[in-house]
Protein backbone atom coordinates (compact mmCIF):
# COMPACT_ATOMS: atom_id res chain seq x y z
CA UNK A 1 -143.12 -13.15 -10.24
CA UNK A 2 -145.18 -15.72 -8.71
CA UNK A 3 -145.87 -15.41 -4.94
CA UNK A 4 -147.49 -17.87 -2.71
CA UNK A 5 -149.39 -16.07 0.21
CA UNK A 6 -150.42 -17.91 3.32
CA UNK A 7 -151.47 -16.83 6.84
CA UNK A 8 -152.56 -18.16 10.25
CA UNK A 9 -155.65 -15.93 10.80
CA UNK A 10 -157.64 -17.70 8.26
CA UNK A 11 -158.71 -17.10 4.75
CA UNK A 12 -161.21 -14.45 5.56
CA UNK A 13 -158.64 -12.37 7.50
CA UNK A 14 -158.30 -8.77 6.39
CA UNK A 15 -154.55 -8.68 6.66
CA UNK A 16 -154.30 -11.55 4.01
CA UNK A 17 -156.66 -9.53 1.72
CA UNK A 18 -154.46 -6.21 2.10
CA UNK A 19 -151.21 -8.16 1.36
CA UNK A 20 -152.64 -9.94 -1.75
CA UNK A 21 -153.84 -6.70 -3.05
CA UNK A 22 -150.60 -4.84 -2.51
CA UNK A 23 -148.44 -7.54 -3.98
CA UNK A 24 -150.59 -7.70 -7.11
CA UNK A 25 -151.30 -4.00 -7.70
CA UNK A 26 -148.06 -2.59 -6.53
CA UNK A 27 -145.35 -5.14 -7.16
CA UNK A 28 -146.98 -6.60 -10.17
CA UNK A 29 -146.80 -10.11 -8.97
CA UNK A 30 -149.00 -13.10 -9.68
CA UNK A 31 -150.41 -13.95 -6.39
CA UNK A 32 -151.50 -17.52 -5.20
CA UNK A 33 -153.22 -18.09 -1.79
CA UNK A 34 -153.34 -21.25 0.43
CA UNK A 35 -154.60 -20.35 3.87
CA UNK A 36 -156.48 -22.16 6.71
CA UNK A 37 -160.22 -22.42 6.67
CA UNK A 38 -160.38 -20.74 10.16
CA UNK A 39 -158.20 -19.39 12.88
CA UNK A 40 -154.81 -21.09 13.53
CA UNK A 41 -152.88 -18.61 15.44
CA UNK A 42 -150.01 -19.89 17.84
CA UNK A 43 -149.83 -23.15 15.61
CA UNK A 44 -146.00 -22.45 15.31
CA UNK A 45 -144.36 -24.86 12.78
CA UNK A 46 -146.69 -27.73 13.20
CA UNK A 47 -147.57 -29.92 10.33
CA UNK A 48 -150.42 -32.62 10.10
CA UNK A 49 -149.05 -36.14 10.27
CA UNK A 50 -151.93 -38.39 11.64
CA UNK A 51 -154.82 -37.23 9.56
CA UNK A 52 -155.26 -36.18 5.82
CA UNK A 53 -155.29 -32.61 4.84
CA UNK A 54 -157.91 -31.36 2.51
CA UNK A 55 -157.73 -28.17 0.20
CA UNK A 56 -160.52 -26.74 -1.98
CA UNK A 57 -160.57 -23.87 -4.44
CA UNK A 58 -162.21 -20.55 -3.19
CA UNK A 59 -162.86 -17.17 -4.86
CA UNK A 60 -160.46 -14.50 -3.70
CA UNK A 61 -160.05 -11.04 -5.14
CA UNK A 62 -156.65 -10.21 -6.68
CA UNK A 63 -155.55 -13.99 -6.48
CA UNK A 64 -154.75 -15.94 -9.66
CA UNK A 65 -155.75 -19.18 -7.80
CA UNK A 66 -156.82 -19.60 -4.16
CA UNK A 67 -157.34 -22.51 -1.79
CA UNK A 68 -158.70 -22.97 1.67
CA UNK A 69 -156.95 -25.73 3.71
CA UNK A 70 -158.34 -27.61 6.88
CA UNK A 71 -154.60 -27.73 8.07
CA UNK A 72 -152.01 -25.71 9.84
CA UNK A 73 -150.15 -22.63 8.35
CA UNK A 74 -147.21 -24.73 7.68
CA UNK A 75 -149.41 -27.20 5.96
CA UNK A 76 -150.56 -24.36 3.65
CA UNK A 77 -147.05 -23.87 2.48
CA UNK A 78 -146.22 -27.50 1.86
CA UNK A 79 -149.48 -28.37 0.33
CA UNK A 80 -149.93 -25.10 -1.57
CA UNK A 81 -146.55 -25.53 -3.13
CA UNK A 82 -147.51 -29.03 -4.27
CA UNK A 83 -151.05 -27.96 -5.57
CA UNK A 84 -149.67 -25.20 -7.64
CA UNK A 85 -146.80 -27.21 -9.09
CA UNK A 86 -149.56 -29.68 -10.21
CA UNK A 87 -151.12 -26.77 -12.03
CA UNK A 88 -147.79 -25.98 -13.62
CA UNK A 89 -147.10 -22.86 -11.45
CA UNK A 90 -143.51 -22.40 -10.19
CA UNK A 91 -143.44 -20.09 -7.15
CA UNK A 92 -140.74 -17.66 -6.67
CA UNK A 93 -141.39 -16.36 -3.08
CA UNK A 94 -143.65 -17.09 -0.07
CA UNK A 95 -145.19 -14.49 2.06
CA UNK A 96 -147.02 -15.24 5.42
CA UNK A 97 -149.44 -12.57 6.64
CA UNK A 98 -150.40 -9.95 7.26
CA UNK A 99 -150.87 -11.18 10.76
CA UNK A 100 -153.14 -9.35 13.26
CA UNK A 101 -150.81 -9.19 16.17
CA UNK A 102 -146.90 -8.75 16.29
CA UNK A 103 -144.66 -11.70 16.18
CA UNK A 104 -141.44 -10.44 17.87
CA UNK A 105 -138.91 -11.94 20.31
CA UNK A 106 -139.87 -15.28 21.89
CA UNK A 107 -143.27 -15.15 20.32
CA UNK A 108 -141.69 -16.11 17.21
CA UNK A 109 -141.39 -19.64 18.66
CA UNK A 110 -145.20 -20.06 18.78
CA UNK A 111 -146.18 -17.96 15.74
CA UNK A 112 -147.99 -19.66 13.01
CA UNK A 113 -147.02 -16.90 10.71
CA UNK A 114 -143.30 -17.29 11.30
CA UNK A 115 -143.67 -21.00 11.25
CA UNK A 116 -145.23 -20.83 7.85
CA UNK A 117 -142.53 -18.48 6.37
CA UNK A 118 -139.87 -20.89 7.82
CA UNK A 119 -141.52 -23.71 6.02
CA UNK A 120 -141.09 -21.64 2.88
CA UNK A 121 -137.50 -21.36 3.61
CA UNK A 122 -137.13 -24.94 4.42
CA UNK A 123 -138.75 -25.70 1.01
CA UNK A 124 -136.08 -23.46 -0.54
CA UNK A 125 -138.04 -20.24 -1.23
CA UNK A 126 -137.08 -16.64 -0.16
CA UNK A 127 -139.75 -16.14 2.52
CA UNK A 128 -141.12 -13.21 4.50
CA UNK A 129 -143.36 -13.01 7.51
CA UNK A 130 -145.31 -9.73 7.92
CA UNK A 131 -147.18 -8.73 11.03
CA UNK A 132 -149.06 -5.75 12.52
CA UNK A 133 -148.85 -5.07 16.32
CA UNK A 134 -152.56 -5.53 17.11
CA UNK A 135 -154.99 -8.26 17.23
CA UNK A 136 -157.53 -5.53 15.93
CA UNK A 137 -155.15 -4.12 13.44
CA UNK A 138 -156.56 -1.51 11.30
CA UNK A 139 -153.49 0.02 9.71
CA UNK A 140 -151.96 -2.31 7.10
CA UNK A 141 -150.37 0.30 4.79
CA UNK A 142 -146.93 0.43 6.16
CA UNK A 143 -146.68 -3.31 6.43
CA UNK A 144 -147.67 -3.50 2.62
CA UNK A 145 -145.07 -0.85 1.92
CA UNK A 146 -142.25 -2.87 3.42
CA UNK A 147 -143.63 -6.10 1.67
CA UNK A 148 -143.61 -4.44 -1.79
CA UNK A 149 -140.28 -2.64 -1.12
CA UNK A 150 -138.69 -6.10 -0.05
CA UNK A 151 -139.55 -7.39 -3.70
CA UNK A 152 -138.37 -4.06 -5.31
CA UNK A 153 -135.01 -4.17 -3.41
CA UNK A 154 -134.17 -7.76 -3.60
CA UNK A 155 -135.91 -9.05 -6.64
CA UNK A 156 -137.01 -11.92 -4.51
CA UNK A 157 -133.53 -13.29 -4.72
CA UNK A 158 -131.48 -14.21 -1.69
CA UNK A 159 -130.06 -17.03 0.27
CA UNK A 160 -133.37 -18.85 0.91
CA UNK A 161 -131.92 -20.29 4.20
CA UNK A 162 -132.61 -16.89 5.71
CA UNK A 163 -136.25 -15.60 6.02
CA UNK A 164 -137.33 -12.14 6.87
CA UNK A 165 -139.71 -11.25 9.87
CA UNK A 166 -141.29 -7.75 9.34
CA UNK A 167 -143.40 -6.20 12.21
CA UNK A 168 -144.99 -2.72 12.11
CA UNK A 169 -146.90 -0.67 14.63
CA UNK A 170 -150.55 -0.31 14.01
CA UNK A 171 -150.28 3.22 13.12
CA UNK A 172 -150.82 5.35 10.19
CA UNK A 173 -147.80 4.98 7.79
CA UNK A 174 -146.93 8.77 8.40
CA UNK A 175 -146.68 8.30 12.16
CA UNK A 176 -144.36 5.31 11.95
CA UNK A 177 -140.72 6.55 12.82
CA UNK A 178 -138.86 4.41 10.41
CA UNK A 179 -137.46 1.01 10.12
CA UNK A 180 -135.06 -0.84 12.34
CA UNK A 181 -133.06 -3.73 11.35
CA UNK A 182 -133.15 -5.97 14.50
CA UNK A 183 -132.42 -9.10 16.36
CA UNK A 184 -135.01 -10.99 18.57
CA UNK A 185 -135.64 -9.47 21.98
CA UNK A 186 -137.58 -10.88 24.94
CA UNK A 187 -141.31 -10.99 24.78
CA UNK A 188 -142.91 -11.18 28.34
CA UNK A 189 -146.55 -11.09 29.59
CA UNK A 190 -148.17 -10.12 32.62
CA UNK A 191 -150.85 -12.77 33.89
CA UNK A 192 -149.99 -14.89 30.86
CA UNK A 193 -151.91 -17.96 32.16
CA UNK A 194 -155.55 -17.46 33.74
CA UNK A 195 -156.73 -20.38 35.85
CA UNK A 196 -160.34 -21.12 36.63
CA UNK A 197 -161.66 -23.80 38.86
CA UNK A 198 -165.14 -25.30 38.82
CA UNK A 199 -165.80 -28.46 40.95
CA UNK A 200 -162.89 -30.86 39.97
CA UNK A 201 -162.11 -29.21 36.54
CA UNK A 202 -159.39 -26.67 36.40
CA UNK A 203 -159.14 -24.60 33.27
CA UNK A 204 -156.01 -22.82 32.03
CA UNK A 205 -156.55 -19.92 29.63
CA UNK A 206 -153.42 -18.44 27.86
CA UNK A 207 -153.26 -14.72 27.19
CA UNK A 208 -152.17 -11.67 29.20
CA UNK A 209 -150.80 -8.28 28.60
CA UNK A 210 -147.30 -7.70 27.08
CA UNK A 211 -144.78 -6.16 29.34
CA UNK A 212 -143.82 -2.73 28.17
CA UNK A 213 -140.20 -1.73 28.45
CA UNK A 214 -138.60 1.79 28.73
CA UNK A 215 -135.51 1.53 26.62
CA UNK A 216 -133.79 2.85 23.51
CA UNK A 217 -132.45 -0.60 22.50
CA UNK A 218 -133.97 -0.36 19.10
CA UNK A 219 -131.76 -3.07 17.80
CA UNK A 220 -134.19 -5.40 19.65
CA UNK A 221 -137.33 -6.18 17.71
CA UNK A 222 -139.52 -5.74 20.80
CA UNK A 223 -138.18 -2.42 21.79
CA UNK A 224 -138.08 -1.12 18.30
CA UNK A 225 -141.79 -1.79 17.70
CA UNK A 226 -142.76 -0.44 21.17
CA UNK A 227 -140.84 2.88 20.27
CA UNK A 228 -142.97 3.36 17.14
CA UNK A 229 -140.55 1.83 14.51
CA UNK A 230 -141.04 -1.01 12.14
CA UNK A 231 -138.77 -3.89 12.65
CA UNK A 232 -137.07 -6.37 10.23
CA UNK A 233 -135.31 -9.37 11.67
CA UNK A 234 -133.54 -12.18 9.77
CA UNK A 235 -134.34 -15.50 11.01
CA UNK A 236 -133.19 -19.21 10.10
CA UNK A 237 -134.10 -22.76 10.96
CA UNK A 238 -130.64 -23.54 12.50
CA UNK A 239 -131.23 -23.49 16.33
CA UNK A 240 -127.92 -24.76 17.14
CA UNK A 241 -126.33 -22.97 20.26
CA UNK A 242 -122.79 -22.75 18.88
CA UNK A 243 -121.45 -21.10 21.94
CA UNK A 244 -122.38 -24.01 24.18
CA UNK A 245 -119.89 -26.36 22.58
CA UNK A 246 -117.17 -25.68 25.05
CA UNK A 247 -119.85 -26.38 27.85
CA UNK A 248 -120.57 -29.61 26.41
CA UNK A 249 -116.92 -30.58 26.04
CA UNK A 250 -116.31 -29.67 29.75
CA UNK A 251 -119.30 -31.68 30.92
CA UNK A 252 -118.09 -34.86 28.95
CA UNK A 253 -121.73 -36.50 29.03
CA UNK A 254 -121.34 -39.95 27.89
CA UNK A 255 -117.50 -39.82 27.78
């Protein structure tokens, strides 16, 4: 099996190296890497349209071929697939991660990791996003376990219109309570925008601390993760609000 691995934390990120090692040594895959040349977190599904994107080969332990790219995570998927096809390599699956920081709830809208996996889905490949719930993550083993188990259980074959979004707590594997199959919850932050003013210049800094909830609704990815479980959420590119059809009919906009 040939797997393309991308990320949004950059080609030097530990999570990327951990995932490549696991997919090669434990899943027996031939792993190919195309990752940004630096940090691209929160790039969402952006692609580069108004300037060229360059890629160049780099050494990467465990990878059959690896490239750094001066574009976005979604660029890494689209360009990586084309690069590899030119080399005669047909990819079977796309993995994005392992991200340093969770990608759950409404954060999935902003996530470069999820955006890259969705690009893989759009390109017609079964795709998986994998994240650990800490920007200073140190425990990647359970995330690797789930990535490898996904290959073993599915054979890398399912409806490519559906991508899987895996998130694990930053805990040793034996301290994680299990896996919940989830839907997207709400992700809220305290002090999410810091404002600093110096003279006539106002600076806005995005960040803040995630709101913690006391709940046992482990069918929500945010809650499951907070309660010590890993979560797996199926996502898709179709953003249509189907339940709003009657509302539009009632409004008769343009009729």
